[in-house]
Amino acid sequence: MFATVVGRLYERSFGIEITDQEHDFDDCDYDDYYGKYVDWAAENGIVTGYGDNSFKPYAAVTREQAAAILYRYATYRGFAYYQETGVLNAYADFYAVSSYAVRPLSWAATNGIVVGQSNQTLGPQYHMTRAETIVMLYRFCTMFGQ
């Protein structure tokens, strides 16, 4: 679960333990390992869920969702500076980027956190593998000193 990874990154970066907060989603087991991290991420605007009080904790994460979470986390931390670059237009599948993810995915691509699956495609709706998740997090941590 990507929100858990980001929450643990925050804990380890600052030596602060995240504690349970207000429960925002109906489909989360807040006694499970991810519960307090989903609470923390929702409270801080890092995750928003699906708009129907659901979070879908076991759903696969897409490349655009991961970019949005990292962008919101970087914004929360104060180091997500966005510049309109048009970088997404370089990919043939830029039209597939969801409206909420245009800015985050553009930010992630501009900063080298997300790269195209090929020279022509970005794959915003593609479900990330564990390996891709690790690479994206490594690039993010390297870029921002986490």
N, C-alpha and C. Protein backbone atom coordinates (compact mmCIF):
# COMPACT_ATOMS: atom_id res chain seq x y z
N MET A 1 0.84 -1.18 0.00
CA MET A 1 0.00 0.00 0.00
C MET A 1 0.89 1.24 0.00
N PHE A 2 0.66 2.08 -0.98
CA PHE A 2 1.51 3.24 -1.21
C PHE A 2 1.42 4.28 -0.09
N ALA A 3 0.23 4.48 0.45
CA ALA A 3 0.07 5.45 1.55
C ALA A 3 0.87 5.02 2.77
N THR A 4 0.95 3.72 3.01
CA THR A 4 1.74 3.21 4.14
C THR A 4 3.22 3.49 3.93
N VAL A 5 3.69 3.27 2.71
CA VAL A 5 5.10 3.52 2.40
C VAL A 5 5.45 4.99 2.64
N VAL A 6 4.59 5.88 2.18
CA VAL A 6 4.85 7.31 2.36
C VAL A 6 4.79 7.68 3.84
N GLY A 7 3.84 7.12 4.57
CA GLY A 7 3.76 7.38 6.01
C GLY A 7 4.99 6.89 6.75
N ARG A 8 5.47 5.73 6.38
CA ARG A 8 6.68 5.22 7.02
C ARG A 8 7.91 6.03 6.63
N LEU A 9 7.95 6.51 5.41
CA LEU A 9 9.03 7.40 4.98
C LEU A 9 9.04 8.65 5.87
N TYR A 10 7.87 9.20 6.11
CA TYR A 10 7.76 10.38 6.97
C TYR A 10 8.24 10.06 8.39
N GLU A 11 7.80 8.94 8.93
CA GLU A 11 8.21 8.56 10.29
C GLU A 11 9.73 8.44 10.39
N ARG A 12 10.32 7.76 9.43
CA ARG A 12 11.76 7.52 9.49
C ARG A 12 12.57 8.78 9.19
N SER A 13 12.02 9.66 8.40
CA SER A 13 12.72 10.91 8.09
C SER A 13 12.80 11.83 9.30
N PHE A 14 11.79 11.79 10.15
CA PHE A 14 11.71 12.74 11.25
C PHE A 14 11.72 12.10 12.63
N GLY A 15 11.75 10.76 12.69
CA GLY A 15 11.73 10.10 13.98
C GLY A 15 10.44 10.32 14.74
N ILE A 16 9.38 10.55 14.01
CA ILE A 16 8.07 10.80 14.60
C ILE A 16 7.19 9.59 14.32
N GLU A 17 6.52 9.09 15.34
CA GLU A 17 5.59 7.99 15.10
C GLU A 17 4.20 8.54 14.83
N ILE A 18 3.64 8.11 13.72
CA ILE A 18 2.29 8.51 13.36
C ILE A 18 1.32 7.73 14.24
N THR A 19 0.32 8.41 14.75
CA THR A 19 -0.68 7.77 15.60
C THR A 19 -2.04 7.83 14.91
N ASP A 20 -2.95 6.99 15.38
CA ASP A 20 -4.30 6.97 14.81
C ASP A 20 -4.93 8.35 14.93
N GLN A 21 -5.68 8.69 13.91
CA GLN A 21 -6.38 9.96 13.90
C GLN A 21 -7.84 9.68 13.57
N GLU A 22 -8.51 10.64 13.02
CA GLU A 22 -9.90 10.49 12.64
C GLU A 22 -10.01 9.54 11.46
N HIS A 23 -10.97 8.64 11.48
CA HIS A 23 -11.14 7.68 10.40
C HIS A 23 -12.02 8.27 9.29
N ASP A 24 -11.45 8.36 8.09
CA ASP A 24 -12.15 9.02 6.99
C ASP A 24 -12.85 8.06 6.03
N PHE A 25 -12.45 6.79 6.01
CA PHE A 25 -12.95 5.88 4.98
C PHE A 25 -13.68 4.69 5.59
N ASP A 26 -14.78 4.30 4.96
CA ASP A 26 -15.61 3.21 5.47
C ASP A 26 -15.02 1.82 5.21
N ASP A 27 -14.14 1.70 4.23
CA ASP A 27 -13.66 0.37 3.84
C ASP A 27 -12.26 0.04 4.35
N CYS A 28 -11.76 0.79 5.30
CA CYS A 28 -10.43 0.52 5.86
C CYS A 28 -10.55 -0.16 7.22
N ASP A 29 -9.67 -1.11 7.45
CA ASP A 29 -9.57 -1.76 8.76
C ASP A 29 -8.50 -0.98 9.52
N TYR A 30 -8.91 -0.11 10.39
CA TYR A 30 -7.98 0.77 11.07
C TYR A 30 -7.15 0.07 12.15
N ASP A 31 -7.44 -1.19 12.38
CA ASP A 31 -6.60 -1.99 13.28
C ASP A 31 -5.51 -2.72 12.50
N ASP A 32 -5.58 -2.68 11.18
CA ASP A 32 -4.57 -3.34 10.35
C ASP A 32 -3.34 -2.44 10.23
N TYR A 33 -2.27 -2.97 9.69
CA TYR A 33 -0.98 -2.26 9.62
C TYR A 33 -1.06 -0.91 8.92
N TYR A 34 -1.95 -0.75 7.98
CA TYR A 34 -2.01 0.46 7.18
C TYR A 34 -2.92 1.54 7.77
N GLY A 35 -3.75 1.19 8.74
CA GLY A 35 -4.79 2.09 9.23
C GLY A 35 -4.33 3.46 9.63
N LYS A 36 -3.33 3.53 10.50
CA LYS A 36 -2.89 4.84 10.99
C LYS A 36 -2.24 5.66 9.88
N TYR A 37 -1.65 5.01 8.88
CA TYR A 37 -1.02 5.73 7.78
C TYR A 37 -2.06 6.33 6.84
N VAL A 38 -3.13 5.59 6.61
CA VAL A 38 -4.23 6.12 5.79
C VAL A 38 -4.86 7.31 6.51
N ASP A 39 -5.07 7.18 7.81
CA ASP A 39 -5.60 8.31 8.61
C ASP A 39 -4.72 9.54 8.45
N TRP A 40 -3.43 9.36 8.69
CA TRP A 40 -2.47 10.47 8.62
C TRP A 40 -2.45 11.09 7.23
N ALA A 41 -2.40 10.25 6.20
CA ALA A 41 -2.34 10.76 4.83
C ALA A 41 -3.61 11.52 4.47
N ALA A 42 -4.76 11.03 4.89
CA ALA A 42 -6.03 11.72 4.61
C ALA A 42 -6.10 13.04 5.37
N GLU A 43 -5.70 13.04 6.64
CA GLU A 43 -5.72 14.26 7.44
C GLU A 43 -4.84 15.35 6.87
N ASN A 44 -3.78 14.96 6.17
CA ASN A 44 -2.82 15.92 5.63
C ASN A 44 -2.96 16.16 4.13
N GLY A 45 -4.06 15.70 3.55
CA GLY A 45 -4.34 15.96 2.15
C GLY A 45 -3.48 15.19 1.17
N ILE A 46 -2.85 14.12 1.63
CA ILE A 46 -1.96 13.34 0.77
C ILE A 46 -2.74 12.31 -0.02
N VAL A 47 -3.80 11.77 0.57
CA VAL A 47 -4.72 10.88 -0.14
C VAL A 47 -6.12 11.45 0.01
N THR A 48 -6.95 11.18 -0.97
CA THR A 48 -8.31 11.70 -0.94
C THR A 48 -9.38 10.61 -1.04
N GLY A 49 -9.01 9.40 -1.38
CA GLY A 49 -9.99 8.35 -1.55
C GLY A 49 -10.75 8.52 -2.85
N TYR A 50 -11.87 7.84 -2.94
CA TYR A 50 -12.63 7.79 -4.19
C TYR A 50 -13.90 8.62 -4.19
N GLY A 51 -14.12 9.44 -3.18
CA GLY A 51 -15.27 10.33 -3.18
C GLY A 51 -16.54 9.72 -2.66
N ASP A 52 -16.55 8.43 -2.37
CA ASP A 52 -17.74 7.76 -1.82
C ASP A 52 -17.44 7.18 -0.45
N ASN A 53 -16.54 7.84 0.28
CA ASN A 53 -16.05 7.39 1.59
C ASN A 53 -15.29 6.07 1.51
N SER A 54 -14.77 5.75 0.32
CA SER A 54 -13.96 4.53 0.19
C SER A 54 -12.53 4.90 -0.16
N PHE A 55 -11.63 4.02 0.24
CA PHE A 55 -10.21 4.19 -0.05
C PHE A 55 -9.68 3.06 -0.92
N LYS A 56 -10.33 1.91 -0.86
CA LYS A 56 -9.92 0.71 -1.60
C LYS A 56 -8.48 0.34 -1.27
N PRO A 57 -8.23 -0.02 -0.01
CA PRO A 57 -6.86 -0.23 0.45
C PRO A 57 -6.10 -1.35 -0.26
N TYR A 58 -6.81 -2.27 -0.87
CA TYR A 58 -6.11 -3.38 -1.53
C TYR A 58 -6.12 -3.27 -3.05
N ALA A 59 -6.57 -2.14 -3.57
CA ALA A 59 -6.58 -1.93 -5.01
C ALA A 59 -5.16 -1.64 -5.50
N ALA A 60 -4.86 -2.07 -6.71
CA ALA A 60 -3.56 -1.77 -7.31
C ALA A 60 -3.46 -0.27 -7.54
N VAL A 61 -2.26 0.27 -7.41
CA VAL A 61 -2.01 1.70 -7.57
C VAL A 61 -1.51 1.96 -8.98
N THR A 62 -2.08 2.96 -9.62
CA THR A 62 -1.64 3.33 -10.96
C THR A 62 -0.48 4.32 -10.88
N ARG A 63 0.18 4.49 -11.99
CA ARG A 63 1.31 5.43 -12.05
C ARG A 63 0.85 6.85 -11.72
N GLU A 64 -0.32 7.24 -12.20
CA GLU A 64 -0.79 8.59 -11.92
C GLU A 64 -1.21 8.74 -10.46
N GLN A 65 -1.76 7.70 -9.85
CA GLN A 65 -2.11 7.77 -8.43
C GLN A 65 -0.85 7.91 -7.57
N ALA A 66 0.17 7.14 -7.89
CA ALA A 66 1.43 7.22 -7.15
C ALA A 66 2.04 8.61 -7.29
N ALA A 67 2.02 9.15 -8.50
CA ALA A 67 2.56 10.50 -8.73
C ALA A 67 1.77 11.52 -7.92
N ALA A 68 0.45 11.36 -7.86
CA ALA A 68 -0.38 12.30 -7.11
C ALA A 68 -0.07 12.22 -5.62
N ILE A 69 0.11 11.03 -5.09
CA ILE A 69 0.43 10.87 -3.67
C ILE A 69 1.79 11.50 -3.35
N LEU A 70 2.78 11.23 -4.19
CA LEU A 70 4.10 11.82 -3.95
C LEU A 70 4.07 13.34 -4.08
N TYR A 71 3.33 13.85 -5.06
CA TYR A 71 3.21 15.29 -5.24
C TYR A 71 2.56 15.94 -4.00
N ARG A 72 1.49 15.33 -3.52
CA ARG A 72 0.80 15.87 -2.34
C ARG A 72 1.69 15.78 -1.10
N TYR A 73 2.45 14.69 -0.98
CA TYR A 73 3.38 14.57 0.14
C TYR A 73 4.46 15.65 0.05
N ALA A 74 5.00 15.86 -1.14
CA ALA A 74 6.01 16.89 -1.33
C ALA A 74 5.42 18.28 -1.05
N THR A 75 4.19 18.49 -1.42
CA THR A 75 3.51 19.75 -1.13
C THR A 75 3.35 19.91 0.38
N TYR A 76 2.93 18.86 1.04
CA TYR A 76 2.79 18.85 2.50
C TYR A 76 4.11 19.21 3.17
N ARG A 77 5.19 18.68 2.64
CA ARG A 77 6.52 18.94 3.19
C ARG A 77 7.09 20.29 2.75
N GLY A 78 6.49 20.91 1.74
CA GLY A 78 6.92 22.23 1.31
C GLY A 78 7.98 22.25 0.23
N PHE A 79 8.14 21.15 -0.50
CA PHE A 79 9.13 21.18 -1.57
C PHE A 79 8.61 20.71 -2.92
N ALA A 80 7.34 20.87 -3.17
CA ALA A 80 6.79 20.57 -4.49
C ALA A 80 6.54 21.87 -5.22
N TYR A 81 7.50 22.27 -6.01
CA TYR A 81 7.35 23.49 -6.80
C TYR A 81 6.98 23.09 -8.20
N TYR A 82 5.84 23.57 -8.66
CA TYR A 82 5.30 23.17 -9.94
C TYR A 82 5.55 24.26 -10.98
N GLN A 83 6.02 23.84 -12.13
CA GLN A 83 6.14 24.74 -13.27
C GLN A 83 5.44 24.08 -14.44
N GLU A 84 4.64 24.82 -15.13
CA GLU A 84 3.96 24.29 -16.31
C GLU A 84 5.02 24.03 -17.38
N THR A 85 5.15 22.79 -17.78
CA THR A 85 6.21 22.44 -18.72
C THR A 85 5.71 21.85 -20.03
N GLY A 86 4.50 21.33 -20.04
CA GLY A 86 4.01 20.67 -21.24
C GLY A 86 4.66 19.32 -21.48
N VAL A 87 5.37 18.80 -20.48
CA VAL A 87 6.11 17.55 -20.64
C VAL A 87 5.19 16.38 -20.99
N LEU A 88 3.97 16.38 -20.53
CA LEU A 88 3.06 15.27 -20.81
C LEU A 88 2.67 15.20 -22.28
N ASN A 89 2.68 16.34 -22.94
CA ASN A 89 2.32 16.37 -24.37
C ASN A 89 3.29 15.58 -25.24
N ALA A 90 4.45 15.26 -24.71
CA ALA A 90 5.43 14.49 -25.47
C ALA A 90 5.03 13.03 -25.61
N TYR A 91 4.06 12.59 -24.84
CA TYR A 91 3.63 11.19 -24.85
C TYR A 91 2.32 11.03 -25.61
N ALA A 92 2.24 9.99 -26.41
CA ALA A 92 1.04 9.76 -27.21
C ALA A 92 -0.19 9.48 -26.35
N ASP A 93 0.00 8.98 -25.13
CA ASP A 93 -1.13 8.66 -24.27
C ASP A 93 -1.41 9.73 -23.21
N PHE A 94 -0.96 10.95 -23.44
CA PHE A 94 -1.20 12.03 -22.47
C PHE A 94 -2.69 12.27 -22.24
N TYR A 95 -3.51 11.96 -23.24
CA TYR A 95 -4.96 12.13 -23.13
C TYR A 95 -5.56 11.20 -22.06
N ALA A 96 -4.84 10.14 -21.68
CA ALA A 96 -5.34 9.17 -20.70
C ALA A 96 -5.10 9.60 -19.26
N VAL A 97 -4.40 10.71 -19.06
CA VAL A 97 -4.13 11.19 -17.70
C VAL A 97 -5.41 11.79 -17.13
N SER A 98 -5.81 11.32 -15.97
CA SER A 98 -7.01 11.84 -15.30
C SER A 98 -6.78 13.31 -14.93
N SER A 99 -7.86 14.08 -14.89
CA SER A 99 -7.73 15.52 -14.65
C SER A 99 -7.05 15.82 -13.32
N TYR A 100 -7.33 15.03 -12.27
CA TYR A 100 -6.71 15.29 -10.97
C TYR A 100 -5.20 15.06 -10.99
N ALA A 101 -4.74 14.26 -11.96
CA ALA A 101 -3.33 13.85 -11.98
C ALA A 101 -2.46 14.62 -12.95
N VAL A 102 -3.01 15.55 -13.69
CA VAL A 102 -2.22 16.28 -14.69
C VAL A 102 -1.06 17.00 -14.03
N ARG A 103 -1.32 17.81 -13.04
CA ARG A 103 -0.26 18.57 -12.37
C ARG A 103 0.72 17.63 -11.66
N PRO A 104 0.24 16.67 -10.84
CA PRO A 104 1.19 15.78 -10.17
C PRO A 104 2.05 14.95 -11.13
N LEU A 105 1.45 14.44 -12.18
CA LEU A 105 2.20 13.61 -13.10
C LEU A 105 3.19 14.45 -13.91
N SER A 106 2.79 15.65 -14.27
CA SER A 106 3.70 16.57 -14.95
C SER A 106 4.88 16.91 -14.05
N TRP A 107 4.60 17.19 -12.77
CA TRP A 107 5.65 17.47 -11.79
C TRP A 107 6.60 16.28 -11.66
N ALA A 108 6.03 15.09 -11.53
CA ALA A 108 6.85 13.89 -11.37
C ALA A 108 7.69 13.61 -12.62
N ALA A 109 7.13 13.81 -13.78
CA ALA A 109 7.87 13.59 -15.03
C ALA A 109 8.96 14.64 -15.20
N THR A 110 8.66 15.89 -14.90
CA THR A 110 9.64 16.97 -15.01
C THR A 110 10.83 16.73 -14.09
N ASN A 111 10.58 16.17 -12.91
CA ASN A 111 11.63 15.92 -11.94
C ASN A 111 12.28 14.54 -12.07
N GLY A 112 11.89 13.78 -13.09
CA GLY A 112 12.50 12.48 -13.32
C GLY A 112 12.06 11.39 -12.35
N ILE A 113 11.01 11.63 -11.62
CA ILE A 113 10.49 10.63 -10.69
C ILE A 113 9.72 9.56 -11.45
N VAL A 114 9.00 9.98 -12.46
CA VAL A 114 8.30 9.08 -13.36
C VAL A 114 8.88 9.30 -14.75
N VAL A 115 9.18 8.22 -15.41
CA VAL A 115 9.64 8.29 -16.80
C VAL A 115 8.70 7.47 -17.66
N GLY A 116 8.74 7.71 -18.95
CA GLY A 116 7.87 6.98 -19.86
C GLY A 116 8.16 5.50 -19.88
N GLN A 117 7.13 4.73 -20.17
CA GLN A 117 7.33 3.29 -20.34
C GLN A 117 8.07 3.02 -21.64
N SER A 118 7.97 3.96 -22.55
CA SER A 118 8.73 3.96 -23.79
C SER A 118 8.90 5.42 -24.18
N ASN A 119 9.50 5.67 -25.32
CA ASN A 119 9.63 7.06 -25.78
C ASN A 119 8.29 7.68 -26.13
N GLN A 120 7.29 6.84 -26.39
CA GLN A 120 5.99 7.35 -26.81
C GLN A 120 4.90 7.27 -25.76
N THR A 121 5.06 6.42 -24.74
CA THR A 121 3.97 6.22 -23.79
C THR A 121 4.41 6.45 -22.35
N LEU A 122 3.49 7.00 -21.58
CA LEU A 122 3.72 7.26 -20.17
C LEU A 122 3.02 6.21 -19.30
N GLY A 123 1.90 5.70 -19.77
CA GLY A 123 1.16 4.67 -19.03
C GLY A 123 0.54 5.15 -17.74
N PRO A 124 -0.20 6.26 -17.74
CA PRO A 124 -0.73 6.80 -16.49
C PRO A 124 -1.71 5.87 -15.78
N GLN A 125 -2.44 5.04 -16.52
CA GLN A 125 -3.43 4.14 -15.94
C GLN A 125 -2.86 2.76 -15.64
N TYR A 126 -1.60 2.56 -15.94
CA TYR A 126 -0.94 1.28 -15.75
C TYR A 126 -0.72 1.00 -14.27
N HIS A 127 -1.05 -0.21 -13.84
CA HIS A 127 -0.84 -0.59 -12.44
C HIS A 127 0.64 -0.85 -12.21
N MET A 128 1.16 -0.22 -11.19
CA MET A 128 2.60 -0.30 -10.91
C MET A 128 2.98 -1.65 -10.32
N THR A 129 4.14 -2.12 -10.70
CA THR A 129 4.71 -3.31 -10.08
C THR A 129 5.48 -2.87 -8.84
N ARG A 130 5.89 -3.83 -8.03
CA ARG A 130 6.71 -3.50 -6.85
C ARG A 130 8.03 -2.86 -7.29
N ALA A 131 8.60 -3.39 -8.36
CA ALA A 131 9.88 -2.85 -8.84
C ALA A 131 9.73 -1.39 -9.27
N GLU A 132 8.66 -1.08 -9.98
CA GLU A 132 8.43 0.31 -10.41
C GLU A 132 8.20 1.21 -9.19
N THR A 133 7.52 0.69 -8.20
CA THR A 133 7.29 1.46 -6.98
C THR A 133 8.61 1.79 -6.29
N ILE A 134 9.47 0.81 -6.19
CA ILE A 134 10.77 1.02 -5.56
C ILE A 134 11.58 2.05 -6.32
N VAL A 135 11.59 1.95 -7.64
CA VAL A 135 12.35 2.90 -8.46
C VAL A 135 11.80 4.31 -8.30
N MET A 136 10.47 4.44 -8.32
CA MET A 136 9.86 5.76 -8.18
C MET A 136 10.20 6.36 -6.81
N LEU A 137 10.10 5.56 -5.77
CA LEU A 137 10.43 6.06 -4.43
C LEU A 137 11.91 6.39 -4.30
N TYR A 138 12.76 5.59 -4.90
CA TYR A 138 14.20 5.87 -4.88
C TYR A 138 14.48 7.22 -5.55
N ARG A 139 13.88 7.43 -6.71
CA ARG A 139 14.09 8.71 -7.42
C ARG A 139 13.57 9.88 -6.59
N PHE A 140 12.41 9.69 -5.97
CA PHE A 140 11.85 10.74 -5.13
C PHE A 140 12.77 11.04 -3.96
N CYS A 141 13.23 10.01 -3.26
CA CYS A 141 14.09 10.22 -2.09
C CYS A 141 15.42 10.82 -2.48
N THR A 142 15.97 10.41 -3.61
CA THR A 142 17.22 10.96 -4.10
C THR A 142 17.06 12.42 -4.47
N MET A 143 15.97 12.74 -5.12
CA MET A 143 15.70 14.10 -5.56
C MET A 143 15.52 15.06 -4.38
N PHE A 144 14.83 14.59 -3.36
CA PHE A 144 14.44 15.47 -2.26
C PHE A 144 15.10 15.15 -0.93
N GLY A 145 16.12 14.32 -0.94
CA GLY A 145 16.89 14.06 0.26
C GLY A 145 16.12 13.43 1.39
N GLN A 146 15.24 12.52 1.08
CA GLN A 146 14.43 11.85 2.11
C GLN A 146 15.16 10.68 2.68
